[in-house]
């Protein structure tokens, strides 16, 4: 094995490295370049006002849609309860025949006093619905009820109808069939 000892002059061997190192330091990123300038720290007041105005316009256009959906939901809930009450009235009629009694409709839809608002302690329609209705309805009189959408319904124990007040629609009862 031959040990070759090369006498190197430090300046002769490293000038390229030293030159490149110096050039790198001169062109390198300094800490002041990493920090944002004062004018680049945030949004201008005009940009903030524009964003607030756009959000306000979106909110104003969405609120009526939300309230319209609420009205639609109340109307749908009311229609569902009316359908269940009508079915309960007919079921009461069929059960009276099945039990060997004369065909009859319930004398009243519930036993609550007039001007009673539906609640857990005072559910409405318990004579025709299991558990009754506990929310959104008001019993005005023995035969009149107001639903969550504000529609008034009238019950007739003579023919078993539960119709919207002022409705001219003829209801088909089981006795006429």
Protein backbone atom coordinates (compact mmCIF):
# COMPACT_ATOMS: atom_id res chain seq x y z
CA UNK A 1 0.00 0.00 0.00
CA UNK A 2 1.34 3.34 -0.93
CA UNK A 3 0.75 6.27 1.30
CA UNK A 4 0.55 9.25 -0.86
CA UNK A 5 0.67 12.45 0.91
CA UNK A 6 -0.50 15.32 -1.15
CA UNK A 7 0.55 18.67 0.02
CA UNK A 8 -2.40 20.88 -0.54
CA UNK A 9 -2.46 24.52 -0.24
CA UNK A 10 -5.63 25.51 1.61
CA UNK A 11 -6.20 28.46 -0.62
CA UNK A 12 -5.52 26.39 -3.68
CA UNK A 13 -7.93 23.65 -2.67
CA UNK A 14 -10.78 25.67 -1.20
CA UNK A 15 -11.07 28.80 -3.30
CA UNK A 16 -14.10 27.50 -5.16
CA UNK A 17 -15.84 26.53 -1.94
CA UNK A 18 -15.03 29.83 -0.28
CA UNK A 19 -16.18 31.77 -3.31
CA UNK A 20 -19.40 29.77 -3.57
CA UNK A 21 -20.01 30.13 0.19
CA UNK A 22 -19.54 33.87 0.02
CA UNK A 23 -21.80 34.11 -3.05
CA UNK A 24 -24.47 32.01 -1.28
CA UNK A 25 -24.41 34.27 1.76
CA UNK A 26 -24.74 37.38 -0.37
CA UNK A 27 -27.77 35.97 -2.26
CA UNK A 28 -29.32 34.00 0.58
CA UNK A 29 -32.63 34.72 2.33
CA UNK A 30 -32.24 36.94 5.32
CA UNK A 31 -34.55 36.96 8.36
CA UNK A 32 -35.93 40.33 7.31
CA UNK A 33 -37.06 38.76 4.04
CA UNK A 34 -39.05 36.11 5.92
CA UNK A 35 -41.08 38.63 7.94
CA UNK A 36 -44.00 40.28 6.15
CA UNK A 37 -43.82 43.96 5.53
CA UNK A 38 -46.15 46.14 7.56
CA UNK A 39 -48.40 46.80 4.57
CA UNK A 40 -48.88 43.05 4.00
CA UNK A 41 -50.02 42.09 7.54
CA UNK A 42 -53.82 42.06 7.05
CA UNK A 43 -56.84 43.05 5.03
CA UNK A 44 -57.63 46.61 4.16
CA UNK A 45 -60.75 48.20 5.58
CA UNK A 46 -62.31 48.20 2.10
CA UNK A 47 -61.80 44.43 1.79
CA UNK A 48 -63.37 43.85 5.22
CA UNK A 49 -66.36 46.05 4.42
CA UNK A 50 -66.85 44.23 1.10
CA UNK A 51 -66.85 40.85 2.85
CA UNK A 52 -69.34 42.08 5.47
CA UNK A 53 -71.65 43.46 2.77
CA UNK A 54 -71.53 40.20 0.78
CA UNK A 55 -72.30 38.15 3.92
CA UNK A 56 -75.15 40.52 4.79
CA UNK A 57 -76.70 40.14 1.33
CA UNK A 58 -76.47 36.34 1.59
CA UNK A 59 -78.07 36.37 5.05
CA UNK A 60 -80.90 38.64 3.94
CA UNK A 61 -81.65 36.38 0.98
CA UNK A 62 -81.54 33.18 3.09
CA UNK A 63 -83.79 34.30 5.98
CA UNK A 64 -87.07 34.38 3.99
CA UNK A 65 -86.31 30.93 2.61
CA UNK A 66 -85.82 29.62 6.16
CA UNK A 67 -89.12 31.10 7.36
CA UNK A 68 -90.91 29.76 4.29
CA UNK A 69 -89.59 26.28 5.13
CA UNK A 70 -90.84 26.69 8.69
CA UNK A 71 -94.34 27.52 7.44
CA UNK A 72 -94.24 24.54 5.07
CA UNK A 73 -93.17 22.26 7.92
CA UNK A 74 -96.00 23.48 10.16
CA UNK A 75 -98.54 22.99 7.37
CA UNK A 76 -97.22 19.47 6.69
CA UNK A 77 -97.31 18.57 10.39
CA UNK A 78 -100.86 19.88 10.64
CA UNK A 79 -101.94 17.89 7.56
CA UNK A 80 -100.41 14.74 9.04
CA UNK A 81 -102.26 15.14 12.34
CA UNK A 82 -105.54 15.84 10.52
CA UNK A 83 -105.09 12.62 8.53
CA UNK A 84 -104.40 10.64 11.71
CA UNK A 85 -107.42 12.14 13.48
CA UNK A 86 -109.68 11.27 10.54
CA UNK A 87 -108.28 7.71 10.51
CA UNK A 88 -108.81 7.46 14.27
CA UNK A 89 -112.44 8.57 13.89
CA UNK A 90 -113.04 5.90 11.25
CA UNK A 91 -111.26 3.28 13.37
CA UNK A 92 -113.51 4.17 16.32
CA UNK A 93 -116.55 3.71 14.05
CA UNK A 94 -115.33 0.30 12.79
CA UNK A 95 -114.49 -0.87 16.32
CA UNK A 96 -118.00 0.03 17.50
CA UNK A 97 -119.43 -2.23 14.79
CA UNK A 98 -116.88 -4.98 15.47
CA UNK A 99 -117.72 -4.97 19.19
CA UNK A 100 -121.40 -5.53 18.41
CA UNK A 101 -122.52 -2.00 19.26
CA UNK A 102 -124.52 0.26 17.01
CA UNK A 103 -122.29 2.16 14.56
CA UNK A 104 -121.22 5.43 16.15
CA UNK A 105 -118.56 8.09 16.09
CA UNK A 106 -116.86 9.40 19.22
CA UNK A 107 -118.98 11.99 21.06
CA UNK A 108 -115.81 14.06 21.62
CA UNK A 109 -112.23 13.83 20.39
CA UNK A 110 -110.85 14.38 23.91
CA UNK A 111 -111.89 15.35 27.40
CA UNK A 112 -109.93 18.60 27.67
CA UNK A 113 -111.70 21.90 28.49
CA UNK A 114 -112.15 24.68 25.94
CA UNK A 115 -109.23 27.03 25.17
CA UNK A 116 -106.71 24.31 26.05
CA UNK A 117 -103.35 24.31 24.35
CA UNK A 118 -101.93 20.86 23.64
CA UNK A 119 -99.16 19.77 25.98
CA UNK A 120 -97.76 16.69 27.71
CA UNK A 121 -100.09 17.14 30.65
CA UNK A 122 -103.11 17.85 28.45
CA UNK A 123 -102.85 16.04 25.10
CA UNK A 124 -105.60 16.55 22.53
CA UNK A 125 -107.40 13.92 20.40
CA UNK A 126 -106.82 11.13 22.95
CA UNK A 127 -110.17 9.48 22.15
CA UNK A 128 -109.02 8.76 18.59
CA UNK A 129 -105.19 8.81 18.75
CA UNK A 130 -103.05 6.73 21.07
CA UNK A 131 -101.20 9.23 23.27
CA UNK A 132 -102.91 12.20 21.59
CA UNK A 133 -101.17 15.27 20.22
CA UNK A 134 -98.98 17.18 22.66
CA UNK A 135 -97.75 20.14 20.65
CA UNK A 136 -98.96 22.92 18.38
CA UNK A 137 -102.75 22.49 18.63
CA UNK A 138 -105.38 24.52 20.48
CA UNK A 139 -108.86 23.30 21.45
CA UNK A 140 -111.11 26.33 20.98
CA UNK A 141 -114.46 24.68 21.75
CA UNK A 142 -115.76 21.12 22.10
CA UNK A 143 -115.83 20.80 18.32
CA UNK A 144 -113.27 23.39 17.06
CA UNK A 145 -109.50 22.97 16.99
CA UNK A 146 -106.76 25.22 15.61
CA UNK A 147 -103.64 23.63 14.13
CA UNK A 148 -100.02 24.85 14.16
CA UNK A 149 -100.43 26.58 10.78
CA UNK A 150 -103.44 28.52 12.11
CA UNK A 151 -106.16 26.58 10.29
CA UNK A 152 -109.35 25.89 12.26
CA UNK A 153 -110.98 22.45 12.00
CA UNK A 154 -114.50 21.48 13.07
CA UNK A 155 -115.51 18.01 14.28
CA UNK A 156 -119.02 16.64 13.81
CA UNK A 157 -119.93 13.61 15.90
CA UNK A 158 -123.08 13.10 13.82
CA UNK A 159 -121.27 12.11 10.64
CA UNK A 160 -117.68 11.70 11.85
CA UNK A 161 -116.18 14.55 9.84
CA UNK A 162 -113.14 16.59 10.82
CA UNK A 163 -113.06 19.38 8.26
CA UNK A 164 -111.41 22.72 7.79
CA UNK A 165 -113.75 25.48 8.97
CA UNK A 166 -115.71 26.94 6.09
CA UNK A 167 -114.79 24.01 3.88
CA UNK A 168 -117.51 23.07 1.43
CA UNK A 169 -115.94 19.69 0.76
CA UNK A 170 -118.28 16.82 1.43
CA UNK A 171 -116.77 14.10 3.53
CA UNK A 172 -117.66 10.49 2.87
CA UNK A 173 -118.66 8.72 6.07
CA UNK A 174 -118.85 4.97 6.51
CA UNK A 175 -122.59 5.17 7.17
CA UNK A 176 -123.23 6.42 3.63
CA UNK A 177 -121.33 3.53 2.05
